[in-house]
Amino acid sequence: MAKSWKRISYLVLVLYLIAGFFLFPVLGSIALVCMLAPVVMAFYRGREWCGLYCPRGSLWDQVLAKVNSSKTIPGWAKTSAVRVLMLVVIFSVFGWQTVHAWPDPAEIGLVFL
């Protein structure tokens, strides 16, 4: 089941982005699941979310990796310090944008799209 989901979930991501940008911007708020789920799940299952369930990872594996011949990640990018720093930066940026989009649900959705 997880492998078949991994093969098609990028299509869900593409449809989600199209629907969010052009039809229902408030749908962007659903992206919070894809941002919080790996953080929560990491405590119990490691990086399972990223490897099996993440639609963005599927997009990379199924589409973009075929274009990019270099599939290796630099060693420095795998360090805990860089990962924590990226997590803090990403959540800070989204938090800042959300505060400035408040209270309009459509604007908040666009922040996460």
PDB file of N, CA and C in Angstrom:
ATOM      1  N   MET A   1       0.825  -1.201   0.000  1.00  0.00           N
ATOM      2  CA  MET A   1       0.000   0.000   0.000  1.00  0.00           C
ATOM      3  C   MET A   1       0.864   1.258   0.000  1.00  0.00           C
ATOM      4  N   ALA A   2       1.865   1.301   0.875  1.00  0.00           N
ATOM      5  CA  ALA A   2       2.697   2.500   0.973  1.00  0.00           C
ATOM      6  C   ALA A   2       3.471   2.741  -0.320  1.00  0.00           C
ATOM      7  N   LYS A   3       3.955   1.673  -0.945  1.00  0.00           N
ATOM      8  CA  LYS A   3       4.721   1.855  -2.184  1.00  0.00           C
ATOM      9  C   LYS A   3       3.838   2.352  -3.318  1.00  0.00           C
ATOM     10  N   SER A   4       2.606   1.858  -3.407  1.00  0.00           N
ATOM     11  CA  SER A   4       1.716   2.343  -4.462  1.00  0.00           C
ATOM     12  C   SER A   4       1.329   3.798  -4.202  1.00  0.00           C
ATOM     13  N   TRP A   5       1.147   4.171  -2.936  1.00  0.00           N
ATOM     14  CA  TRP A   5       0.867   5.571  -2.586  1.00  0.00           C
ATOM     15  C   TRP A   5       2.050   6.444  -2.972  1.00  0.00           C
ATOM     16  N   LYS A   6       3.255   5.969  -2.714  1.00  0.00           N
ATOM     17  CA  LYS A   6       4.468   6.728  -3.018  1.00  0.00           C
ATOM     18  C   LYS A   6       4.562   7.022  -4.512  1.00  0.00           C
ATOM     19  N   ARG A   7       4.103   6.093  -5.337  1.00  0.00           N
ATOM     20  CA  ARG A   7       4.182   6.284  -6.784  1.00  0.00           C
ATOM     21  C   ARG A   7       3.193   7.321  -7.310  1.00  0.00           C
ATOM     22  N   ILE A   8       2.065   7.515  -6.630  1.00  0.00           N
ATOM     23  CA  ILE A   8       1.042   8.420  -7.167  1.00  0.00           C
ATOM     24  C   ILE A   8       0.793   9.668  -6.333  1.00  0.00           C
ATOM     25  N   SER A   9       1.347   9.735  -5.141  1.00  0.00           N
ATOM     26  CA  SER A   9       0.998  10.862  -4.271  1.00  0.00           C
ATOM     27  C   SER A   9       1.441  12.208  -4.823  1.00  0.00           C
ATOM     28  N   TYR A  10       2.421  12.220  -5.732  1.00  0.00           N
ATOM     29  CA  TYR A  10       2.808  13.494  -6.320  1.00  0.00           C
ATOM     30  C   TYR A  10       1.662  14.072  -7.157  1.00  0.00           C
ATOM     31  N   LEU A  11       0.822  13.200  -7.711  1.00  0.00           N
ATOM     32  CA  LEU A  11      -0.341  13.684  -8.458  1.00  0.00           C
ATOM     33  C   LEU A  11      -1.322  14.390  -7.529  1.00  0.00           C
ATOM     34  N   VAL A  12      -1.474  13.861  -6.329  1.00  0.00           N
ATOM     35  CA  VAL A  12      -2.324  14.499  -5.325  1.00  0.00           C
ATOM     36  C   VAL A  12      -1.772  15.883  -5.002  1.00  0.00           C
ATOM     37  N   LEU A  13      -0.455  15.982  -4.877  1.00  0.00           N
ATOM     38  CA  LEU A  13       0.189  17.270  -4.597  1.00  0.00           C
ATOM     39  C   LEU A  13      -0.071  18.262  -5.723  1.00  0.00           C
ATOM     40  N   VAL A  14       0.092  17.840  -6.955  1.00  0.00           N
ATOM     41  CA  VAL A  14      -0.120  18.732  -8.100  1.00  0.00           C
ATOM     42  C   VAL A  14      -1.570  19.212  -8.145  1.00  0.00           C
ATOM     43  N   LEU A  15      -2.518  18.306  -7.975  1.00  0.00           N
ATOM     44  CA  LEU A  15      -3.944  18.688  -7.970  1.00  0.00           C
ATOM     45  C   LEU A  15      -4.260  19.632  -6.808  1.00  0.00           C
ATOM     46  N   TYR A  16      -3.673  19.342  -5.656  1.00  0.00           N
ATOM     47  CA  TYR A  16      -3.852  20.187  -4.471  1.00  0.00           C
ATOM     48  C   TYR A  16      -3.349  21.612  -4.738  1.00  0.00           C
ATOM     49  N   LEU A  17      -2.173  21.727  -5.347  1.00  0.00           N
ATOM     50  CA  LEU A  17      -1.609  23.049  -5.632  1.00  0.00           C
ATOM     51  C   LEU A  17      -2.464  23.810  -6.642  1.00  0.00           C
ATOM     52  N   ILE A  18      -2.914  23.129  -7.675  1.00  0.00           N
ATOM     53  CA  ILE A  18      -3.766  23.786  -8.676  1.00  0.00           C
ATOM     54  C   ILE A  18      -5.072  24.255  -8.044  1.00  0.00           C
ATOM     55  N   ALA A  19      -5.714  23.353  -7.297  1.00  0.00           N
ATOM     56  CA  ALA A  19      -6.979  23.721  -6.639  1.00  0.00           C
ATOM     57  C   ALA A  19      -6.774  24.854  -5.640  1.00  0.00           C
ATOM     58  N   GLY A  20      -5.671  24.809  -4.899  1.00  0.00           N
ATOM     59  CA  GLY A  20      -5.415  25.838  -3.901  1.00  0.00           C
ATOM     60  C   GLY A  20      -5.133  27.202  -4.502  1.00  0.00           C
ATOM     61  N   PHE A  21      -4.299  27.246  -5.520  1.00  0.00           N
ATOM     62  CA  PHE A  21      -3.942  28.532  -6.107  1.00  0.00           C
ATOM     63  C   PHE A  21      -5.067  29.143  -6.925  1.00  0.00           C
ATOM     64  N   PHE A  22      -5.820  28.315  -7.632  1.00  0.00           N
ATOM     65  CA  PHE A  22      -6.789  28.850  -8.584  1.00  0.00           C
ATOM     66  C   PHE A  22      -8.246  28.782  -8.143  1.00  0.00           C
ATOM     67  N   LEU A  23      -8.577  27.899  -7.204  1.00  0.00           N
ATOM     68  CA  LEU A  23      -9.988  27.739  -6.841  1.00  0.00           C
ATOM     69  C   LEU A  23     -10.282  28.060  -5.382  1.00  0.00           C
ATOM     70  N   PHE A  24      -9.566  27.395  -4.483  1.00  0.00           N
ATOM     71  CA  PHE A  24      -9.863  27.510  -3.054  1.00  0.00           C
ATOM     72  C   PHE A  24      -8.575  27.724  -2.249  1.00  0.00           C
ATOM     73  N   PRO A  25      -8.093  28.951  -2.134  1.00  0.00           N
ATOM     74  CA  PRO A  25      -6.835  29.199  -1.417  1.00  0.00           C
ATOM     75  C   PRO A  25      -6.829  28.682   0.022  1.00  0.00           C
ATOM     76  N   VAL A  26      -7.993  28.605   0.644  1.00  0.00           N
ATOM     77  CA  VAL A  26      -8.046  28.142   2.030  1.00  0.00           C
ATOM     78  C   VAL A  26      -7.543  26.688   2.148  1.00  0.00           C
ATOM     79  N   LEU A  27      -7.544  25.943   1.050  1.00  0.00           N
ATOM     80  CA  LEU A  27      -7.021  24.574   1.059  1.00  0.00           C
ATOM     81  C   LEU A  27      -5.550  24.520   1.491  1.00  0.00           C
ATOM     82  N   GLY A  28      -4.855  25.623   1.353  1.00  0.00           N
ATOM     83  CA  GLY A  28      -3.443  25.667   1.739  1.00  0.00           C
ATOM     84  C   GLY A  28      -3.213  25.271   3.180  1.00  0.00           C
ATOM     85  N   SER A  29      -4.200  25.467   4.011  1.00  0.00           N
ATOM     86  CA  SER A  29      -4.070  25.123   5.429  1.00  0.00           C
ATOM     87  C   SER A  29      -3.862  23.625   5.646  1.00  0.00           C
ATOM     88  N   ILE A  30      -4.296  22.813   4.694  1.00  0.00           N
ATOM     89  CA  ILE A  30      -4.089  21.368   4.790  1.00  0.00           C
ATOM     90  C   ILE A  30      -2.590  21.034   4.795  1.00  0.00           C
ATOM     91  N   ALA A  31      -1.781  21.906   4.233  1.00  0.00           N
ATOM     92  CA  ALA A  31      -0.338  21.677   4.192  1.00  0.00           C
ATOM     93  C   ALA A  31       0.263  21.557   5.588  1.00  0.00           C
ATOM     94  N   LEU A  32      -0.430  22.081   6.576  1.00  0.00           N
ATOM     95  CA  LEU A  32       0.069  21.955   7.952  1.00  0.00           C
ATOM     96  C   LEU A  32       0.238  20.490   8.346  1.00  0.00           C
ATOM     97  N   VAL A  33      -0.619  19.626   7.819  1.00  0.00           N
ATOM     98  CA  VAL A  33      -0.497  18.193   8.108  1.00  0.00           C
ATOM     99  C   VAL A  33       0.832  17.667   7.578  1.00  0.00           C
ATOM    100  N   CYS A  34       1.162  18.056   6.346  1.00  0.00           N
ATOM    101  CA  CYS A  34       2.420  17.596   5.746  1.00  0.00           C
ATOM    102  C   CYS A  34       3.645  18.232   6.402  1.00  0.00           C
ATOM    103  N   MET A  35       3.435  19.280   7.162  1.00  0.00           N
ATOM    104  CA  MET A  35       4.552  19.909   7.851  1.00  0.00           C
ATOM    105  C   MET A  35       4.691  19.381   9.281  1.00  0.00           C
ATOM    106  N   LEU A  36       3.571  19.138   9.921  1.00  0.00           N
ATOM    107  CA  LEU A  36       3.607  18.688  11.313  1.00  0.00           C
ATOM    108  C   LEU A  36       3.712  17.165  11.437  1.00  0.00           C
ATOM    109  N   ALA A  37       3.125  16.441  10.502  1.00  0.00           N
ATOM    110  CA  ALA A  37       3.146  14.975  10.578  1.00  0.00           C
ATOM    111  C   ALA A  37       4.554  14.402  10.650  1.00  0.00           C
ATOM    112  N   PRO A  38       5.498  14.854   9.816  1.00  0.00           N
ATOM    113  CA  PRO A  38       6.839  14.272   9.931  1.00  0.00           C
ATOM    114  C   PRO A  38       7.516  14.600  11.260  1.00  0.00           C
ATOM    115  N   VAL A  39       7.231  15.774  11.796  1.00  0.00           N
ATOM    116  CA  VAL A  39       7.840  16.143  13.076  1.00  0.00           C
ATOM    117  C   VAL A  39       7.303  15.236  14.186  1.00  0.00           C
ATOM    118  N   VAL A  40       5.990  15.060  14.226  1.00  0.00           N
ATOM    119  CA  VAL A  40       5.372  14.216  15.247  1.00  0.00           C
ATOM    120  C   VAL A  40       5.746  12.754  15.027  1.00  0.00           C
ATOM    121  N   MET A  41       5.644  12.305  13.788  1.00  0.00           N
ATOM    122  CA  MET A  41       5.907  10.902  13.474  1.00  0.00           C
ATOM    123  C   MET A  41       7.364  10.518  13.717  1.00  0.00           C
ATOM    124  N   ALA A  42       8.277  11.476  13.593  1.00  0.00           N
ATOM    125  CA  ALA A  42       9.703  11.194  13.775  1.00  0.00           C
ATOM    126  C   ALA A  42      10.014  10.656  15.168  1.00  0.00           C
ATOM    127  N   PHE A  43       9.232  11.066  16.150  1.00  0.00           N
ATOM    128  CA  PHE A  43       9.459  10.586  17.507  1.00  0.00           C
ATOM    129  C   PHE A  43       9.161   9.095  17.638  1.00  0.00           C
ATOM    130  N   TYR A  44       8.287   8.577  16.780  1.00  0.00           N
ATOM    131  CA  TYR A  44       7.854   7.184  16.889  1.00  0.00           C
ATOM    132  C   TYR A  44       8.393   6.288  15.777  1.00  0.00           C
ATOM    133  N   ARG A  45       8.528   6.841  14.556  1.00  0.00           N
ATOM    134  CA  ARG A  45       8.858   6.012  13.408  1.00  0.00           C
ATOM    135  C   ARG A  45      10.057   6.521  12.616  1.00  0.00           C
ATOM    136  N   GLY A  46      10.802   7.458  13.138  1.00  0.00           N
ATOM    137  CA  GLY A  46      11.951   7.991  12.406  1.00  0.00           C
ATOM    138  C   GLY A  46      11.497   8.790  11.190  1.00  0.00           C
ATOM    139  N   ARG A  47      12.182   8.569  10.074  1.00  0.00           N
ATOM    140  CA  ARG A  47      11.878   9.332   8.855  1.00  0.00           C
ATOM    141  C   ARG A  47      10.900   8.602   7.936  1.00  0.00           C
ATOM    142  N   GLU A  48      10.084   7.770   8.498  1.00  0.00           N
ATOM    143  CA  GLU A  48       9.130   6.993   7.698  1.00  0.00           C
ATOM    144  C   GLU A  48       8.210   7.881   6.865  1.00  0.00           C
ATOM    145  N   TRP A  49       7.749   8.996   7.434  1.00  0.00           N
ATOM    146  CA  TRP A  49       6.865   9.901   6.700  1.00  0.00           C
ATOM    147  C   TRP A  49       7.531  10.360   5.411  1.00  0.00           C
ATOM    148  N   CYS A  50       8.767  10.791   5.523  1.00  0.00           N
ATOM    149  CA  CYS A  50       9.468  11.333   4.364  1.00  0.00           C
ATOM    150  C   CYS A  50       9.682  10.273   3.292  1.00  0.00           C
ATOM    151  N   GLY A  51       9.968   9.061   3.710  1.00  0.00           N
ATOM    152  CA  GLY A  51      10.267   8.013   2.748  1.00  0.00           C
ATOM    153  C   GLY A  51       9.050   7.365   2.122  1.00  0.00           C
ATOM    154  N   LEU A  52       7.923   7.346   2.830  1.00  0.00           N
ATOM    155  CA  LEU A  52       6.771   6.600   2.323  1.00  0.00           C
ATOM    156  C   LEU A  52       5.525   7.424   2.045  1.00  0.00           C
ATOM    157  N   TYR A  53       5.295   8.498   2.790  1.00  0.00           N
ATOM    158  CA  TYR A  53       4.005   9.167   2.717  1.00  0.00           C
ATOM    159  C   TYR A  53       4.025  10.587   2.160  1.00  0.00           C
ATOM    160  N   CYS A  54       5.147  11.237   2.173  1.00  0.00           N
ATOM    161  CA  CYS A  54       5.217  12.652   1.798  1.00  0.00           C
ATOM    162  C   CYS A  54       4.992  12.852   0.295  1.00  0.00           C
ATOM    163  N   PRO A  55       3.968  13.629  -0.081  1.00  0.00           N
ATOM    164  CA  PRO A  55       3.732  13.894  -1.509  1.00  0.00           C
ATOM    165  C   PRO A  55       4.875  14.655  -2.172  1.00  0.00           C
ATOM    166  N   ARG A  56       5.529  15.536  -1.430  1.00  0.00           N
ATOM    167  CA  ARG A  56       6.664  16.259  -2.022  1.00  0.00           C
ATOM    168  C   ARG A  56       7.831  15.327  -2.286  1.00  0.00           C
ATOM    169  N   GLY A  57       8.040  14.369  -1.391  1.00  0.00           N
ATOM    170  CA  GLY A  57       9.081  13.364  -1.618  1.00  0.00           C
ATOM    171  C   GLY A  57       8.757  12.508  -2.827  1.00  0.00           C
ATOM    172  N   SER A  58       7.488  12.198  -3.007  1.00  0.00           N
ATOM    173  CA  SER A  58       7.044  11.438  -4.174  1.00  0.00           C
ATOM    174  C   SER A  58       7.311  12.219  -5.451  1.00  0.00           C
ATOM    175  N   LEU A  59       7.023  13.517  -5.432  1.00  0.00           N
ATOM    176  CA  LEU A  59       7.290  14.359  -6.600  1.00  0.00           C
ATOM    177  C   LEU A  59       8.766  14.295  -6.953  1.00  0.00           C
ATOM    178  N   TRP A  60       9.613  14.366  -5.948  1.00  0.00           N
ATOM    179  CA  TRP A  60      11.054  14.301  -6.196  1.00  0.00           C
ATOM    180  C   TRP A  60      11.436  12.934  -6.761  1.00  0.00           C
ATOM    181  N   ASP A  61      11.000  11.875  -6.096  1.00  0.00           N
ATOM    182  CA  ASP A  61      11.398  10.523  -6.500  1.00  0.00           C
ATOM    183  C   ASP A  61      10.846  10.118  -7.859  1.00  0.00           C
ATOM    184  N   GLN A  62       9.614  10.468  -8.145  1.00  0.00           N
ATOM    185  CA  GLN A  62       8.955  10.005  -9.366  1.00  0.00           C
ATOM    186  C   GLN A  62       9.182  10.906 -10.577  1.00  0.00           C
ATOM    187  N   VAL A  63       9.446  12.195 -10.339  1.00  0.00           N
ATOM    188  CA  VAL A  63       9.546  13.127 -11.460  1.00  0.00           C
ATOM    189  C   VAL A  63      10.906  13.820 -11.513  1.00  0.00           C
ATOM    190  N   LEU A  64      11.227  14.574 -10.479  1.00  0.00           N
ATOM    191  CA  LEU A  64      12.420  15.423 -10.529  1.00  0.00           C
ATOM    192  C   LEU A  64      13.729  14.642 -10.493  1.00  0.00           C
ATOM    193  N   ALA A  65      13.778  13.524  -9.817  1.00  0.00           N
ATOM    194  CA  ALA A  65      15.017  12.737  -9.741  1.00  0.00           C
ATOM    195  C   ALA A  65      15.407  12.195 -11.107  1.00  0.00           C
ATOM    196  N   LYS A  66      14.454  12.008 -11.975  1.00  0.00           N
ATOM    197  CA  LYS A  66      14.747  11.518 -13.324  1.00  0.00           C
ATOM    198  C   LYS A  66      15.451  12.596 -14.153  1.00  0.00           C
ATOM    199  N   VAL A  67      15.223  13.855 -13.785  1.00  0.00           N
ATOM    200  CA  VAL A  67      15.866  14.968 -14.475  1.00  0.00           C
ATOM    201  C   VAL A  67      17.241  15.242 -13.882  1.00  0.00           C
ATOM    202  N   ASN A  68      17.372  15.091 -12.575  1.00  0.00           N
ATOM    203  CA  ASN A  68      18.615  15.367 -11.858  1.00  0.00           C
ATOM    204  C   ASN A  68      19.403  14.075 -11.709  1.00  0.00           C
ATOM    205  N   SER A  69      20.571  13.998 -12.329  1.00  0.00           N
ATOM    206  CA  SER A  69      21.362  12.769 -12.261  1.00  0.00           C
ATOM    207  C   SER A  69      22.129  12.641 -10.947  1.00  0.00           C
ATOM    208  N   SER A  70      22.334  13.723 -10.232  1.00  0.00           N
ATOM    209  CA  SER A  70      23.061  13.689  -8.959  1.00  0.00           C
ATOM    210  C   SER A  70      22.070  13.504  -7.821  1.00  0.00           C
ATOM    211  N   LYS A  71      22.006  12.295  -7.276  1.00  0.00           N
ATOM    212  CA  LYS A  71      21.028  12.000  -6.242  1.00  0.00           C
ATOM    213  C   LYS A  71      21.633  12.007  -4.838  1.00  0.00           C
ATOM    214  N   THR A  72      22.878  12.382  -4.718  1.00  0.00           N
ATOM    215  CA  THR A  72      23.512  12.361  -3.410  1.00  0.00           C
ATOM    216  C   THR A  72      23.286  13.680  -2.671  1.00  0.00           C
ATOM    217  N   ILE A  73      23.113  13.564  -1.378  1.00  0.00           N
ATOM    218  CA  ILE A  73      22.939  14.730  -0.515  1.00  0.00           C
ATOM    219  C   ILE A  73      24.287  14.977   0.156  1.00  0.00           C
ATOM    220  N   PRO A  74      24.776  16.216   0.145  1.00  0.00           N
ATOM    221  CA  PRO A  74      26.061  16.498   0.786  1.00  0.00           C
ATOM    222  C   PRO A  74      26.037  16.143   2.270  1.00  0.00           C
ATOM    223  N   GLY A  75      27.138  15.670   2.784  1.00  0.00           N
ATOM    224  CA  GLY A  75      27.229  15.248   4.181  1.00  0.00           C
ATOM    225  C   GLY A  75      26.842  16.333   5.170  1.00  0.00           C
ATOM    226  N   TRP A  76      27.240  17.575   4.912  1.00  0.00           N
ATOM    227  CA  TRP A  76      26.930  18.659   5.846  1.00  0.00           C
ATOM    228  C   TRP A  76      25.431  18.897   5.943  1.00  0.00           C
ATOM    229  N   ALA A  77      24.692  18.610   4.853  1.00  0.00           N
ATOM    230  CA  ALA A  77      23.251  18.836   4.858  1.00  0.00           C
ATOM    231  C   ALA A  77      22.509  17.789   5.682  1.00  0.00           C
ATOM    232  N   LYS A  78      23.181  16.702   6.028  1.00  0.00           N
ATOM    233  CA  LYS A  78      22.557  15.632   6.798  1.00  0.00           C
ATOM    234  C   LYS A  78      22.785  15.768   8.298  1.00  0.00           C
ATOM    235  N   THR A  79      23.546  16.761   8.716  1.00  0.00           N
ATOM    236  CA  THR A  79      23.842  16.906  10.135  1.00  0.00           C
ATOM    237  C   THR A  79      22.610  17.366  10.912  1.00  0.00           C
ATOM    238  N   SER A  80      22.575  16.997  12.166  1.00  0.00           N
ATOM    239  CA  SER A  80      21.439  17.384  13.018  1.00  0.00           C
ATOM    240  C   SER A  80      21.324  18.894  13.137  1.00  0.00           C
ATOM    241  N   ALA A  81      22.444  19.579  13.193  1.00  0.00           N
ATOM    242  CA  ALA A  81      22.421  21.033  13.337  1.00  0.00           C
ATOM    243  C   ALA A  81      21.730  21.687  12.143  1.00  0.00           C
ATOM    244  N   VAL A  82      22.051  21.242  10.944  1.00  0.00           N
ATOM    245  CA  VAL A  82      21.433  21.815   9.742  1.00  0.00           C
ATOM    246  C   VAL A  82      19.951  21.479   9.698  1.00  0.00           C
ATOM    247  N   ARG A  83      19.603  20.265  10.067  1.00  0.00           N
ATOM    248  CA  ARG A  83      18.199  19.871  10.044  1.00  0.00           C
ATOM    249  C   ARG A  83      17.374  20.687  11.038  1.00  0.00           C
ATOM    250  N   VAL A  84      17.894  20.868  12.236  1.00  0.00           N
ATOM    251  CA  VAL A  84      17.180  21.658  13.247  1.00  0.00           C
ATOM    252  C   VAL A  84      17.099  23.118  12.809  1.00  0.00           C
ATOM    253  N   LEU A  85      18.182  23.645  12.269  1.00  0.00           N
ATOM    254  CA  LEU A  85      18.194  25.020  11.784  1.00  0.00           C
ATOM    255  C   LEU A  85      17.132  25.215  10.694  1.00  0.00           C
ATOM    256  N   MET A  86      17.062  24.301   9.746  1.00  0.00           N
ATOM    257  CA  MET A  86      16.069  24.403   8.677  1.00  0.00           C
ATOM    258  C   MET A  86      14.648  24.337   9.235  1.00  0.00           C
ATOM    259  N   LEU A  87      14.426  23.473  10.201  1.00  0.00           N
ATOM    260  CA  LEU A  87      13.109  23.361  10.817  1.00  0.00           C
ATOM    261  C   LEU A  87      12.722  24.678  11.491  1.00  0.00           C
ATOM    262  N   VAL A  88      13.647  25.276  12.218  1.00  0.00           N
ATOM    263  CA  VAL A  88      13.383  26.545  12.898  1.00  0.00           C
ATOM    264  C   VAL A  88      13.126  27.659  11.871  1.00  0.00           C
ATOM    265  N   VAL A  89      13.936  27.721  10.828  1.00  0.00           N
ATOM    266  CA  VAL A  89      13.756  28.758   9.801  1.00  0.00           C
ATOM    267  C   VAL A  89      12.401  28.605   9.110  1.00  0.00           C
ATOM    268  N   ILE A  90      12.071  27.381   8.709  1.00  0.00           N
ATOM    269  CA  ILE A  90      10.812  27.155   7.994  1.00  0.00           C
ATOM    270  C   ILE A  90       9.612  27.519   8.860  1.00  0.00           C
ATOM    271  N   PHE A  91       9.601  27.040  10.104  1.00  0.00           N
ATOM    272  CA  PHE A  91       8.468  27.345  10.972  1.00  0.00           C
ATOM    273  C   PHE A  91       8.415  28.833  11.322  1.00  0.00           C
ATOM    274  N   SER A  92       9.555  29.480  11.426  1.00  0.00           N
ATOM    275  CA  SER A  92       9.578  30.920  11.700  1.00  0.00           C
ATOM    276  C   SER A  92       9.002  31.712  10.531  1.00  0.00           C
ATOM    277  N   VAL A  93       9.394  31.361   9.324  1.00  0.00           N
ATOM    278  CA  VAL A  93       8.885  32.058   8.139  1.00  0.00           C
ATOM    279  C   VAL A  93       7.377  31.861   8.011  1.00  0.00           C
ATOM    280  N   PHE A  94       6.922  30.617   8.157  1.00  0.00           N
ATOM    281  CA  PHE A  94       5.487  30.368   8.071  1.00  0.00           C
ATOM    282  C   PHE A  94       4.734  31.085   9.188  1.00  0.00           C
ATOM    283  N   GLY A  95       5.289  31.112  10.379  1.00  0.00           N
ATOM    284  CA  GLY A  95       4.656  31.824  11.489  1.00  0.00           C
ATOM    285  C   GLY A  95       4.544  33.312  11.207  1.00  0.00           C
ATOM    286  N   TRP A  96       5.629  33.906  10.732  1.00  0.00           N
ATOM    287  CA  TRP A  96       5.648  35.337  10.401  1.00  0.00           C
ATOM    288  C   TRP A  96       4.608  35.657   9.330  1.00  0.00           C
ATOM    289  N   GLN A  97       4.577  34.859   8.269  1.00  0.00           N
ATOM    290  CA  GLN A  97       3.621  35.108   7.187  1.00  0.00           C
ATOM    291  C   GLN A  97       2.181  34.914   7.661  1.00  0.00           C
ATOM    292  N   THR A  98       1.962  33.928   8.510  1.00  0.00           N
ATOM    293  CA  THR A  98       0.614  33.671   9.011  1.00  0.00           C
ATOM    294  C   THR A  98       0.111  34.837   9.857  1.00  0.00           C
ATOM    295  N   VAL A  99       0.979  35.371  10.693  1.00  0.00           N
ATOM    296  CA  VAL A  99       0.596  36.524  11.519  1.00  0.00           C
ATOM    297  C   VAL A  99       0.195  37.699  10.634  1.00  0.00           C
ATOM    298  N   HIS A 100       0.928  37.903   9.549  1.00  0.00           N
ATOM    299  CA  HIS A 100       0.620  39.032   8.669  1.00  0.00           C
ATOM    300  C   HIS A 100      -0.583  38.762   7.762  1.00  0.00           C
ATOM    301  N   ALA A 101      -0.958  37.512   7.580  1.00  0.00           N
ATOM    302  CA  ALA A 101      -2.128  37.170   6.769  1.00  0.00           C
ATOM    303  C   ALA A 101      -3.401  37.118   7.616  1.00  0.00           C
ATOM    304  N   TRP A 102      -3.233  37.111   8.917  1.00  0.00           N
ATOM    305  CA  TRP A 102      -4.370  36.977   9.837  1.00  0.00           C
ATOM    306  C   TRP A 102      -5.318  38.138   9.661  1.00  0.00           C
ATOM    307  N   PRO A 103      -6.623  38.018   9.712  1.00  0.00           N
ATOM    308  CA  PRO A 103      -7.443  36.845  10.003  1.00  0.00           C
ATOM    309  C   PRO A 103      -8.059  36.216   8.749  1.00  0.00           C
ATOM    310  N   ASP A 104      -7.612  36.583   7.567  1.00  0.00           N
ATOM    311  CA  ASP A 104      -8.206  36.100   6.313  1.00  0.00           C
ATOM    312  C   ASP A 104      -7.801  34.645   6.029  1.00  0.00           C
ATOM    313  N   PRO A 105      -8.743  33.689   6.101  1.00  0.00           N
ATOM    314  CA  PRO A 105      -8.419  32.278   5.890  1.00  0.00           C
ATOM    315  C   PRO A 105      -7.812  31.993   4.511  1.00  0.00           C
ATOM    316  N   ALA A 106      -8.246  32.708   3.483  1.00  0.00           N
ATOM    317  CA  ALA A 106      -7.696  32.497   2.142  1.00  0.00           C
ATOM    318  C   ALA A 106      -6.238  32.921   2.093  1.00  0.00           C
ATOM    319  N   GLU A 107      -5.918  34.046   2.717  1.00  0.00           N
ATOM    320  CA  GLU A 107      -4.528  34.509   2.749  1.00  0.00           C
ATOM    321  C   GLU A 107      -3.645  33.551   3.547  1.00  0.00           C
ATOM    322  N   ILE A 108      -4.165  33.042   4.636  1.00  0.00           N
ATOM    323  CA  ILE A 108      -3.413  32.064   5.441  1.00  0.00           C
ATOM    324  C   ILE A 108      -3.169  30.804   4.612  1.00  0.00           C
ATOM    325  N   GLY A 109      -4.184  30.361   3.886  1.00  0.00           N
ATOM    326  CA  GLY A 109      -4.010  29.204   3.006  1.00  0.00           C
ATOM    327  C   GLY A 109      -2.931  29.408   1.982  1.00  0.00           C
ATOM    328  N   LEU A 110      -2.876  30.611   1.401  1.00  0.00           N
ATOM    329  CA  LEU A 110      -1.846  30.914   0.403  1.00  0.00           C
ATOM    330  C   LEU A 110      -0.440  30.891   1.005  1.00  0.00           C
ATOM    331  N   VAL A 111      -0.332  31.224   2.271  1.00  0.00           N
ATOM    332  CA  VAL A 111       0.976  31.162   2.934  1.00  0.00           C
ATOM    333  C   VAL A 111       1.531  29.731   2.844  1.00  0.00           C
ATOM    334  N   PHE A 112       0.685  28.760   3.040  1.00  0.00           N
ATOM    335  CA  PHE A 112       1.155  27.379   3.077  1.00  0.00           C
ATOM    336  C   PHE A 112       1.192  26.711   1.708  1.00  0.00           C
ATOM    337  N   LEU A 113       0.550  27.297   0.729  1.00  0.00           N
ATOM    338  CA  LEU A 113       0.655  26.749  -0.612  1.00  0.00           C
ATOM    339  C   LEU A 113       2.023  27.067  -1.166  1.00  0.00           C
TER     340      LEU A 113
END
